[in-house]
C-alpha atoms as a PDB file:
ATOM      1  CA  MET A   1      12.585   5.909 -38.165  1.00  0.00           C
ATOM      2  CA  THR A   2      13.648   8.575 -40.809  1.00  0.00           C
ATOM      3  CA  THR A   3      15.582  11.947 -39.458  1.00  0.00           C
ATOM      4  CA  PRO A   4      13.581  14.947 -40.712  1.00  0.00           C
ATOM      5  CA  GLN A   5      15.639  16.653 -42.487  1.00  0.00           C
ATOM      6  CA  PRO A   6      16.558  20.810 -42.237  1.00  0.00           C
ATOM      7  CA  GLU A   7      13.817  22.809 -44.701  1.00  0.00           C
ATOM      8  CA  PRO A   8      16.360  25.032 -46.879  1.00  0.00           C
ATOM      9  CA  VAL A   9      17.583  28.415 -46.055  1.00  0.00           C
ATOM     10  CA  SER A  10      15.859  30.019 -49.222  1.00  0.00           C
ATOM     11  CA  SER A  11      12.458  29.408 -50.447  1.00  0.00           C
ATOM     12  CA  THR A  12      13.486  29.854 -53.919  1.00  0.00           C
ATOM     13  CA  GLN A  13      15.759  27.500 -56.106  1.00  0.00           C
ATOM     14  CA  GLN A  14      19.022  29.448 -55.693  1.00  0.00           C
ATOM     15  CA  PRO A  15      21.120  28.751 -52.636  1.00  0.00           C
ATOM     16  CA  LEU A  16      21.628  31.995 -49.936  1.00  0.00           C
ATOM     17  CA  GLY A  17      24.594  33.890 -50.141  1.00  0.00           C
ATOM     18  CA  VAL A  18      27.260  33.976 -47.876  1.00  0.00           C
ATOM     19  CA  ILE A  19      29.792  36.505 -47.416  1.00  0.00           C
ATOM     20  CA  THR A  20      32.668  36.219 -45.448  1.00  0.00           C
ATOM     21  CA  VAL A  21      35.782  38.444 -45.342  1.00  0.00           C
ATOM     22  CA  THR A  22      38.803  36.355 -44.536  1.00  0.00           C
ATOM     23  CA  TYR A  23      42.549  37.830 -43.128  1.00  0.00           C
ATOM     24  CA  SER A  24      44.691  34.842 -42.214  1.00  0.00           C
ATOM     25  CA  PRO A  25      41.882  33.792 -39.895  1.00  0.00           C
ATOM     26  CA  GLY A  26      43.508  30.363 -39.249  1.00  0.00           C
ATOM     27  CA  ARG A  27      41.504  27.496 -37.471  1.00  0.00           C
ATOM     28  CA  HIS A  28      38.303  29.320 -37.232  1.00  0.00           C
ATOM     29  CA  LEU A  29      37.479  29.148 -40.827  1.00  0.00           C
ATOM     30  CA  ARG A  30      36.965  25.958 -40.544  1.00  0.00           C
ATOM     31  CA  ALA A  31      34.779  25.856 -37.036  1.00  0.00           C
ATOM     32  CA  PHE A  32      32.598  28.658 -39.260  1.00  0.00           C
ATOM     33  CA  LEU A  33      32.100  26.916 -42.460  1.00  0.00           C
ATOM     34  CA  ASP A  34      31.279  23.748 -40.445  1.00  0.00           C
ATOM     35  CA  SER A  35      28.069  25.460 -38.695  1.00  0.00           C
ATOM     36  CA  LEU A  36      26.581  26.984 -42.097  1.00  0.00           C
ATOM     37  CA  PRO A  37      24.192  24.692 -43.126  1.00  0.00           C
ATOM     38  CA  THR A  38      24.812  22.907 -46.665  1.00  0.00           C
ATOM     39  CA  ASP A  39      22.567  24.228 -49.582  1.00  0.00           C
ATOM     40  CA  VAL A  40      24.419  27.872 -49.377  1.00  0.00           C
ATOM     41  CA  GLU A  41      27.066  29.528 -51.506  1.00  0.00           C
ATOM     42  CA  ILE A  42      29.734  30.862 -49.660  1.00  0.00           C
ATOM     43  CA  ILE A  43      32.291  33.373 -50.986  1.00  0.00           C
ATOM     44  CA  LEU A  44      35.829  34.239 -48.749  1.00  0.00           C
ATOM     45  CA  ALA A  45      36.502  37.736 -49.861  1.00  0.00           C
ATOM     46  CA  ASP A  46      40.150  37.211 -48.707  1.00  0.00           C
ATOM     47  CA  ASN A  47      41.916  40.771 -47.922  1.00  0.00           C
ATOM     48  CA  GLY A  48      45.876  39.298 -48.056  1.00  0.00           C
ATOM     49  CA  SER A  49      45.896  36.166 -46.401  1.00  0.00           C
ATOM     50  CA  THR A  50      48.870  34.705 -45.609  1.00  0.00           C
ATOM     51  CA  ASP A  51      48.234  31.495 -43.715  1.00  0.00           C
ATOM     52  CA  GLY A  52      46.606  29.885 -46.341  1.00  0.00           C
ATOM     53  CA  VAL A  53      43.516  28.582 -44.863  1.00  0.00           C
ATOM     54  CA  PRO A  54      40.929  30.257 -46.757  1.00  0.00           C
ATOM     55  CA  GLU A  55      42.665  29.046 -50.302  1.00  0.00           C
ATOM     56  CA  LYS A  56      42.924  25.495 -48.497  1.00  0.00           C
ATOM     57  CA  GLU A  57      39.125  25.419 -47.644  1.00  0.00           C
ATOM     58  CA  ALA A  58      37.401  26.731 -50.680  1.00  0.00           C
ATOM     59  CA  ALA A  59      39.716  24.077 -52.930  1.00  0.00           C
ATOM     60  CA  ASP A  60      38.419  21.021 -50.265  1.00  0.00           C
ATOM     61  CA  ARG A  61      34.524  22.439 -50.383  1.00  0.00           C
ATOM     62  CA  PRO A  62      32.847  22.887 -54.253  1.00  0.00           C
ATOM     63  CA  ASN A  63      30.315  25.617 -52.503  1.00  0.00           C
ATOM     64  CA  ILE A  64      33.413  28.059 -51.873  1.00  0.00           C
ATOM     65  CA  THR A  65      34.896  30.148 -53.913  1.00  0.00           C
ATOM     66  CA  PHE A  66      38.177  32.206 -53.106  1.00  0.00           C
ATOM     67  CA  LEU A  67      37.831  35.888 -53.959  1.00  0.00           C
ATOM     68  CA  PRO A  68      41.183  37.780 -53.284  1.00  0.00           C
ATOM     69  CA  THR A  69      40.304  41.340 -53.412  1.00  0.00           C
ATOM     70  CA  GLY A  70      43.864  42.349 -53.941  1.00  0.00           C
ATOM     71  CA  GLY A  71      45.353  43.475 -50.550  1.00  0.00           C
ATOM     72  CA  ASN A  72      43.496  44.805 -47.587  1.00  0.00           C
ATOM     73  CA  ILE A  73      41.591  47.058 -48.771  1.00  0.00           C
ATOM     74  CA  GLY A  74      38.836  47.517 -45.674  1.00  0.00           C
ATOM     75  CA  TYR A  75      35.843  45.428 -44.520  1.00  0.00           C
ATOM     76  CA  GLY A  76      32.912  46.889 -46.129  1.00  0.00           C
ATOM     77  CA  SER A  77      34.765  47.362 -49.657  1.00  0.00           C
ATOM     78  CA  ALA A  78      35.489  43.696 -49.350  1.00  0.00           C
ATOM     79  CA  ILE A  79      31.759  43.204 -48.632  1.00  0.00           C
ATOM     80  CA  ASN A  80      30.791  44.992 -51.481  1.00  0.00           C
ATOM     81  CA  MET A  81      32.862  43.376 -53.571  1.00  0.00           C
ATOM     82  CA  ALA A  82      32.056  39.905 -53.013  1.00  0.00           C
ATOM     83  CA  ALA A  83      28.398  41.432 -52.967  1.00  0.00           C
ATOM     84  CA  THR A  84      28.681  42.066 -56.719  1.00  0.00           C
ATOM     85  CA  PHE A  85      30.438  39.387 -57.802  1.00  0.00           C
ATOM     86  CA  LEU A  86      27.496  37.165 -55.964  1.00  0.00           C
ATOM     87  CA  LYS A  87      24.729  39.051 -58.086  1.00  0.00           C
ATOM     88  CA  GLU A  88      27.181  38.896 -60.920  1.00  0.00           C
ATOM     89  CA  GLN A  89      28.668  35.566 -61.114  1.00  0.00           C
ATOM     90  CA  ARG A  90      26.452  33.177 -58.675  1.00  0.00           C
ATOM     91  CA  GLN A  91      23.066  32.177 -59.086  1.00  0.00           C
ATOM     92  CA  VAL A  92      21.585  32.932 -55.722  1.00  0.00           C
ATOM     93  CA  ASP A  93      18.530  33.391 -53.560  1.00  0.00           C
ATOM     94  CA  PRO A  94      17.508  37.328 -54.663  1.00  0.00           C
ATOM     95  CA  GLU A  95      15.946  37.952 -51.513  1.00  0.00           C
ATOM     96  CA  PHE A  96      18.660  37.652 -48.900  1.00  0.00           C
ATOM     97  CA  PHE A  97      21.998  37.313 -48.445  1.00  0.00           C
ATOM     98  CA  LEU A  98      24.262  36.571 -45.335  1.00  0.00           C
ATOM     99  CA  VAL A  99      27.514  38.745 -44.223  1.00  0.00           C
ATOM    100  CA  SER A 100      29.249  37.306 -41.889  1.00  0.00           C
ATOM    101  CA  ASN A 101      33.038  37.273 -39.432  1.00  0.00           C
ATOM    102  CA  PRO A 102      34.820  33.906 -39.892  1.00  0.00           C
ATOM    103  CA  ASP A 103      35.414  33.770 -36.431  1.00  0.00           C
ATOM    104  CA  VAL A 104      32.058  33.374 -35.605  1.00  0.00           C
ATOM    105  CA  VAL A 105      29.828  29.676 -35.259  1.00  0.00           C
ATOM    106  CA  PHE A 106      26.068  29.604 -35.603  1.00  0.00           C
ATOM    107  CA  THR A 107      23.831  27.118 -33.358  1.00  0.00           C
ATOM    108  CA  PRO A 108      21.958  24.826 -35.471  1.00  0.00           C
ATOM    109  CA  GLY A 109      19.107  26.460 -37.021  1.00  0.00           C
ATOM    110  CA  ALA A 110      20.413  29.634 -36.738  1.00  0.00           C
ATOM    111  CA  VAL A 111      20.534  31.040 -40.099  1.00  0.00           C
ATOM    112  CA  GLU A 112      16.889  29.104 -40.557  1.00  0.00           C
ATOM    113  CA  GLU A 113      15.921  31.293 -37.757  1.00  0.00           C
ATOM    114  CA  LEU A 114      17.339  34.881 -39.222  1.00  0.00           C
ATOM    115  CA  ILE A 115      15.416  34.355 -42.332  1.00  0.00           C
ATOM    116  CA  ALA A 116      12.074  33.516 -40.807  1.00  0.00           C
ATOM    117  CA  CYS A 117      12.762  36.645 -38.929  1.00  0.00           C
ATOM    118  CA  ALA A 118      13.099  38.583 -41.596  1.00  0.00           C
ATOM    119  CA  ARG A 119       9.618  37.798 -43.153  1.00  0.00           C
ATOM    120  CA  ARG A 120       8.144  38.549 -40.097  1.00  0.00           C
ATOM    121  CA  HIS A 121       9.181  42.060 -41.057  1.00  0.00           C
ATOM    122  CA  PRO A 122       8.664  42.671 -44.434  1.00  0.00           C
ATOM    123  CA  GLN A 123      10.631  46.191 -43.958  1.00  0.00           C
ATOM    124  CA  ALA A 124      13.755  44.745 -42.516  1.00  0.00           C
ATOM    125  CA  GLY A 125      16.677  45.997 -43.863  1.00  0.00           C
ATOM    126  CA  ALA A 126      19.141  43.823 -41.555  1.00  0.00           C
ATOM    127  CA  VAL A 127      18.609  41.205 -39.517  1.00  0.00           C
ATOM    128  CA  GLY A 128      20.940  40.318 -36.359  1.00  0.00           C
ATOM    129  CA  PRO A 129      21.339  37.266 -33.620  1.00  0.00           C
ATOM    130  CA  LEU A 130      21.822  37.029 -30.234  1.00  0.00           C
ATOM    131  CA  ILE A 131      25.548  36.894 -29.935  1.00  0.00           C
ATOM    132  CA  ARG A 132      27.619  34.921 -27.098  1.00  0.00           C
ATOM    133  CA  GLU A 133      31.148  35.671 -26.524  1.00  0.00           C
ATOM    134  CA  ALA A 134      33.957  33.367 -25.533  1.00  0.00           C
ATOM    135  CA  ASP A 135      32.802  33.293 -21.930  1.00  0.00           C
ATOM    136  CA  GLY A 136      29.281  33.138 -22.612  1.00  0.00           C
ATOM    137  CA  SER A 137      27.837  36.198 -21.712  1.00  0.00           C
ATOM    138  CA  ILE A 138      25.573  38.399 -24.285  1.00  0.00           C
ATOM    139  CA  TYR A 139      27.124  40.776 -26.755  1.00  0.00           C
ATOM    140  CA  PRO A 140      25.192  43.803 -26.968  1.00  0.00           C
ATOM    141  CA  SER A 141      25.121  43.304 -30.609  1.00  0.00           C
ATOM    142  CA  ALA A 142      21.540  45.443 -31.194  1.00  0.00           C
ATOM    143  CA  ARG A 143      22.338  49.323 -29.981  1.00  0.00           C
ATOM    144  CA  ASN A 144      20.875  52.780 -30.506  1.00  0.00           C
ATOM    145  CA  LEU A 145      22.885  54.664 -33.014  1.00  0.00           C
ATOM    146  CA  PRO A 146      25.648  56.715 -31.136  1.00  0.00           C
ATOM    147  CA  ASN A 147      25.221  61.160 -31.156  1.00  0.00           C
ATOM    148  CA  LEU A 148      27.875  63.451 -29.653  1.00  0.00           C
ATOM    149  CA  LYS A 149      26.375  63.078 -26.254  1.00  0.00           C
ATOM    150  CA  ASN A 150      26.301  59.277 -25.476  1.00  0.00           C
ATOM    151  CA  GLY A 151      28.956  58.664 -27.897  1.00  0.00           C
ATOM    152  CA  ILE A 152      31.893  61.031 -25.856  1.00  0.00           C
ATOM    153  CA  GLY A 153      30.321  60.055 -22.911  1.00  0.00           C
ATOM    154  CA  HIS A 154      31.035  55.901 -23.663  1.00  0.00           C
ATOM    155  CA  ALA A 155      33.903  56.675 -25.236  1.00  0.00           C
ATOM    156  CA  LEU A 156      35.059  58.720 -21.926  1.00  0.00           C
ATOM    157  CA  LEU A 157      33.578  56.234 -19.070  1.00  0.00           C
ATOM    158  CA  GLY A 158      32.466  52.961 -21.008  1.00  0.00           C
ATOM    159  CA  ALA A 159      36.072  51.657 -19.604  1.00  0.00           C
ATOM    160  CA  VAL A 160      36.162  52.726 -15.835  1.00  0.00           C
ATOM    161  CA  TRP A 161      32.460  52.919 -15.150  1.00  0.00           C
ATOM    162  CA  LYS A 162      30.223  50.788 -17.247  1.00  0.00           C
ATOM    163  CA  SER A 163      26.914  51.364 -15.504  1.00  0.00           C
ATOM    164  CA  ASN A 164      27.270  55.013 -16.633  1.00  0.00           C
ATOM    165  CA  PRO A 165      24.364  56.776 -18.160  1.00  0.00           C
ATOM    166  CA  PHE A 166      25.713  57.103 -21.404  1.00  0.00           C
ATOM    167  CA  SER A 167      27.099  53.901 -21.930  1.00  0.00           C
ATOM    168  CA  GLN A 168      23.621  52.448 -21.157  1.00  0.00           C
ATOM    169  CA  ALA A 169      21.859  54.789 -23.616  1.00  0.00           C
ATOM    170  CA  TYR A 170      24.108  53.870 -26.268  1.00  0.00           C
ATOM    171  CA  LEU A 171      24.284  49.722 -25.528  1.00  0.00           C
ATOM    172  CA  ALA A 172      20.756  49.301 -24.927  1.00  0.00           C
ATOM    173  CA  GLU A 173      21.584  46.138 -22.901  1.00  0.00           C
ATOM    174  CA  HIS A 174      18.476  46.132 -20.885  1.00  0.00           C
ATOM    175  CA  ASP A 175      16.357  44.304 -23.638  1.00  0.00           C
ATOM    176  CA  MET A 176      18.632  41.466 -25.145  1.00  0.00           C
ATOM    177  CA  ASP A 177      15.806  38.398 -24.840  1.00  0.00           C
ATOM    178  CA  SER A 178      12.786  39.761 -26.932  1.00  0.00           C
ATOM    179  CA  GLU A 179      13.013  40.385 -30.932  1.00  0.00           C
ATOM    180  CA  HIS A 180      12.975  44.078 -31.177  1.00  0.00           C
ATOM    181  CA  THR A 181      14.030  46.911 -33.947  1.00  0.00           C
ATOM    182  CA  CYS A 182      16.983  49.310 -33.088  1.00  0.00           C
ATOM    183  CA  GLY A 183      19.650  51.367 -34.392  1.00  0.00           C
ATOM    184  CA  TRP A 184      21.765  49.267 -35.557  1.00  0.00           C
ATOM    185  CA  LEU A 185      23.309  45.648 -35.194  1.00  0.00           C
ATOM    186  CA  SER A 186      26.543  44.146 -35.155  1.00  0.00           C
ATOM    187  CA  GLY A 187      28.324  44.254 -38.612  1.00  0.00           C
ATOM    188  CA  SER A 188      29.713  40.250 -36.924  1.00  0.00           C
ATOM    189  CA  CYS A 189      26.390  38.795 -38.829  1.00  0.00           C
ATOM    190  CA  LEU A 190      24.103  40.015 -40.638  1.00  0.00           C
ATOM    191  CA  LEU A 191      21.459  38.791 -42.647  1.00  0.00           C
ATOM    192  CA  LEU A 192      20.678  41.196 -45.221  1.00  0.00           C
ATOM    193  CA  ARG A 193      17.899  42.107 -47.705  1.00  0.00           C
ATOM    194  CA  TRP A 194      19.235  42.559 -51.459  1.00  0.00           C
ATOM    195  CA  ASP A 195      17.263  45.677 -52.472  1.00  0.00           C
ATOM    196  CA  ALA A 196      17.970  47.430 -48.984  1.00  0.00           C
ATOM    197  CA  PHE A 197      20.909  46.890 -48.889  1.00  0.00           C
ATOM    198  CA  GLU A 198      21.679  47.804 -52.749  1.00  0.00           C
ATOM    199  CA  GLU A 199      18.899  51.277 -51.966  1.00  0.00           C
ATOM    200  CA  ILE A 200      21.595  52.902 -49.569  1.00  0.00           C
ATOM    201  CA  GLY A 201      24.613  51.645 -51.895  1.00  0.00           C
ATOM    202  CA  GLY A 202      26.221  48.999 -49.575  1.00  0.00           C
ATOM    203  CA  PHE A 203      28.769  49.879 -47.146  1.00  0.00           C
ATOM    204  CA  ASP A 204      30.466  53.081 -46.719  1.00  0.00           C
ATOM    205  CA  GLU A 205      33.685  52.128 -48.164  1.00  0.00           C
ATOM    206  CA  ARG A 206      35.541  55.244 -46.821  1.00  0.00           C
ATOM    207  CA  TYR A 207      35.560  53.143 -43.535  1.00  0.00           C
ATOM    208  CA  PHE A 208      38.245  50.701 -43.785  1.00  0.00           C
ATOM    209  CA  MET A 209      37.433  49.042 -40.055  1.00  0.00           C
ATOM    210  CA  TYR A 210      34.927  49.630 -37.210  1.00  0.00           C
ATOM    211  CA  MET A 211      31.776  51.709 -37.143  1.00  0.00           C
ATOM    212  CA  GLU A 212      30.718  50.768 -41.102  1.00  0.00           C
ATOM    213  CA  ASP A 213      28.117  48.669 -39.314  1.00  0.00           C
ATOM    214  CA  VAL A 214      26.972  51.745 -37.701  1.00  0.00           C
ATOM    215  CA  ASP A 215      26.597  53.178 -40.326  1.00  0.00           C
ATOM    216  CA  LEU A 216      25.052  51.093 -42.869  1.00  0.00           C
ATOM    217  CA  GLY A 217      22.492  50.722 -39.902  1.00  0.00           C
ATOM    218  CA  ASP A 218      21.941  54.342 -39.519  1.00  0.00           C
ATOM    219  CA  ARG A 219      21.612  54.538 -43.380  1.00  0.00           C
ATOM    220  CA  LEU A 220      18.894  51.456 -43.634  1.00  0.00           C
ATOM    221  CA  GLY A 221      16.912  53.788 -41.154  1.00  0.00           C
ATOM    222  CA  ARG A 222      17.239  56.793 -43.160  1.00  0.00           C
ATOM    223  CA  ALA A 223      15.997  54.971 -46.357  1.00  0.00           C
ATOM    224  CA  GLY A 224      12.986  53.451 -44.293  1.00  0.00           C
ATOM    225  CA  TYR A 225      14.207  50.348 -43.362  1.00  0.00           C
ATOM    226  CA  SER A 226      14.469  48.874 -39.998  1.00  0.00           C
ATOM    227  CA  ASN A 227      17.542  46.931 -38.134  1.00  0.00           C
ATOM    228  CA  VAL A 228      15.812  44.242 -36.453  1.00  0.00           C
ATOM    229  CA  TYR A 229      17.217  42.183 -33.440  1.00  0.00           C
ATOM    230  CA  CYS A 230      16.448  38.485 -33.312  1.00  0.00           C
ATOM    231  CA  PRO A 231      17.613  36.495 -30.131  1.00  0.00           C
ATOM    232  CA  ARG A 232      16.058  33.042 -31.343  1.00  0.00           C
ATOM    233  CA  ALA A 233      18.843  32.832 -33.437  1.00  0.00           C
ATOM    234  CA  GLU A 234      22.248  32.641 -31.891  1.00  0.00           C
ATOM    235  CA  ILE A 235      25.721  32.440 -32.080  1.00  0.00           C
ATOM    236  CA  SER A 236      29.308  32.610 -30.754  1.00  0.00           C
ATOM    237  CA  HIS A 237      31.582  35.461 -31.539  1.00  0.00           C
ATOM    238  CA  ASP A 238      35.664  35.117 -30.887  1.00  0.00           C
ATOM    239  CA  LYS A 239      35.323  38.760 -30.818  1.00  0.00           C
ATOM    240  CA  GLY A 240      38.941  40.416 -31.744  1.00  0.00           C
ATOM    241  CA  HIS A 241      41.051  37.284 -31.847  1.00  0.00           C
ATOM    242  CA  SER A 242      43.140  38.970 -34.496  1.00  0.00           C
ATOM    243  CA  ALA A 243      42.020  43.042 -33.775  1.00  0.00           C
ATOM    244  CA  GLY A 244      44.144  42.059 -30.316  1.00  0.00           C
ATOM    245  CA  LYS A 245      47.401  41.469 -31.633  1.00  0.00           C
ATOM    246  CA  HIS A 246      47.710  44.447 -33.879  1.00  0.00           C
ATOM    247  CA  PRO A 247      46.558  47.645 -31.202  1.00  0.00           C
ATOM    248  CA  GLU A 248      49.005  50.207 -33.154  1.00  0.00           C
ATOM    249  CA  VAL A 249      46.293  49.505 -36.487  1.00  0.00           C
ATOM    250  CA  VAL A 250      43.039  49.041 -35.328  1.00  0.00           C
ATOM    251  CA  LEU A 251      43.045  51.586 -32.692  1.00  0.00           C
ATOM    252  CA  PRO A 252      43.432  54.641 -34.924  1.00  0.00           C
ATOM    253  CA  ALA A 253      41.442  52.988 -37.601  1.00  0.00           C
ATOM    254  CA  HIS A 254      38.777  52.422 -34.558  1.00  0.00           C
ATOM    255  CA  HIS A 255      39.156  56.286 -33.692  1.00  0.00           C
ATOM    256  CA  ALA A 256      39.465  57.779 -37.393  1.00  0.00           C
ATOM    257  CA  SER A 257      35.877  55.856 -38.248  1.00  0.00           C
ATOM    258  CA  ALA A 258      33.992  57.315 -35.550  1.00  0.00           C
ATOM    259  CA  TYR A 259      35.344  60.506 -36.123  1.00  0.00           C
ATOM    260  CA  ARG A 260      34.285  59.856 -39.367  1.00  0.00           C
ATOM    261  CA  TYR A 261      30.667  58.741 -38.430  1.00  0.00           C
ATOM    262  CA  GLN A 262      30.133  62.106 -35.769  1.00  0.00           C
ATOM    263  CA  ALA A 263      31.550  64.261 -38.798  1.00  0.00           C
ATOM    264  CA  ASP A 264      29.388  63.117 -41.766  1.00  0.00           C
ATOM    265  CA  ARG A 265      26.484  63.738 -39.204  1.00  0.00           C
ATOM    266  CA  LEU A 266      27.520  67.402 -38.157  1.00  0.00           C
ATOM    267  CA  SER A 267      28.648  68.674 -41.373  1.00  0.00           C
ATOM    268  CA  ALA A 268      27.038  71.967 -41.315  1.00  0.00           C
ATOM    269  CA  TRP A 269      29.818  74.796 -41.698  1.00  0.00           C
ATOM    270  CA  TYR A 270      28.691  76.112 -38.035  1.00  0.00           C
ATOM    271  CA  LEU A 271      29.639  72.834 -36.281  1.00  0.00           C
ATOM    272  CA  ALA A 272      33.291  73.194 -38.021  1.00  0.00           C
ATOM    273  CA  PRO A 273      34.590  73.507 -34.052  1.00  0.00           C
ATOM    274  CA  VAL A 274      32.764  70.828 -32.851  1.00  0.00           C
ATOM    275  CA  ARG A 275      34.116  69.007 -35.109  1.00  0.00           C
ATOM    276  CA  ALA A 276      37.679  70.351 -34.551  1.00  0.00           C
ATOM    277  CA  ALA A 277      37.205  69.548 -30.708  1.00  0.00           C
ATOM    278  CA  LEU A 278      35.908  66.074 -31.833  1.00  0.00           C
ATOM    279  CA  TRP A 279      39.303  65.189 -33.941  1.00  0.00           C
ATOM    280  CA  VAL A 280      41.722  66.267 -31.193  1.00  0.00           C
ATOM    281  CA  GLY A 281      39.823  64.447 -28.816  1.00  0.00           C
ATOM    282  CA  LEU A 282      39.180  60.902 -30.492  1.00  0.00           C
ATOM    283  CA  LYS A 283      43.399  61.518 -31.899  1.00  0.00           C
ATOM    284  CA  VAL A 284      44.526  62.427 -28.326  1.00  0.00           C
ATOM    285  CA  ARG A 285      41.904  59.081 -26.745  1.00  0.00           C
ATOM    286  CA  GLY A 286      43.319  56.677 -29.453  1.00  0.00           C
ATOM    287  CA  LEU A 287      47.389  57.565 -29.042  1.00  0.00           C
ATOM    288  CA  ILE A 288      46.539  57.002 -24.968  1.00  0.00           C
ATOM    289  CA  ALA A 289      44.626  53.595 -26.263  1.00  0.00           C
ATOM    290  CA  VAL A 290      47.448  52.435 -28.515  1.00  0.00           C
ATOM    291  CA  SER A 291      49.923  53.190 -25.314  1.00  0.00           C
ATOM    292  CA  CYS A 292      47.539  51.308 -23.089  1.00  0.00           C
ATOM    293  CA  ALA A 293      47.213  48.003 -25.290  1.00  0.00           C
ATOM    294  CA  LYS A 294      51.241  47.987 -26.260  1.00  0.00           C
ATOM    295  CA  GLN A 295      51.496  47.806 -22.025  1.00  0.00           C
ATOM    296  CA  ARG A 296      48.865  45.409 -21.909  1.00  0.00           C
ATOM    297  CA  ARG A 297      50.486  43.203 -24.639  1.00  0.00           C
ATOM    298  CA  ALA A 298      54.141  43.756 -22.893  1.00  0.00           C
ATOM    299  CA  LYS A 299      53.112  42.515 -19.242  1.00  0.00           C
ATOM    300  CA  LYS A 300      51.228  39.379 -20.482  1.00  0.00           C
ATOM    301  CA  GLU A 301      54.317  38.158 -22.773  1.00  0.00           C
ATOM    302  CA  GLU A 302      56.273  38.750 -19.933  1.00  0.00           C
ATOM    303  CA  ASP A 303      53.911  36.727 -17.624  1.00  0.00           C
END
């Protein structure tokens, strides 16, 4: 009996373009690559890896290109560079491309489900999957856009009172089973429509890391596109495997990005006092968060 072959992920003769940003990804990269369909064109946008893993994987697989970015230029900037490279240097599917972290593993058929979902929603600029964390729980990856009220409330109370109304309004965890539109989708895995991505100018490169996916979802919505959550497509994500090692870098970056996002949307001159208060509050919160993270790390090393 002949085993049926999976349908190609692209409806054209060109393979689907896949972009991942690498920064010494270690063992995660191989698992990520092995979980992808074979008929894809993969770009490893490398932000300065020192473990040699991206170069080795690219040398071993003919459908992978190792693309050094010149240093740690940030997530959005690396994606934009790789997207330009795909368009100019490779013959890829002109309708969609996939952006994913290298610590993601796709379940069989997940990429095909994302594309099918995008075709069910012609106005979708971005489509995102159901994301399972290492413990099997579902990560709230399809969220409402943060505003000043729910953003501050979530930041202040999310860690100590998980069911607070501000976090509930922002995380929108009540519906993770059905396909629906949302404010933004986790940038750990996104199927993007080329036309929409190019219309809004790609990722905002002012964000070094964090919040660039929130900003992207907001700008897609403002341009008339939708962000669609597709739970029939499922991935697992070893979230924060590298970020947790460097809290003194990633936590200040996260708070700086949070300020930039809100400041851009509170740009009127008369809101200057609000921006100033927000900057001070996030700066203080960032310092406290770094201190707490270092203490947790030191305790873990002692144990």
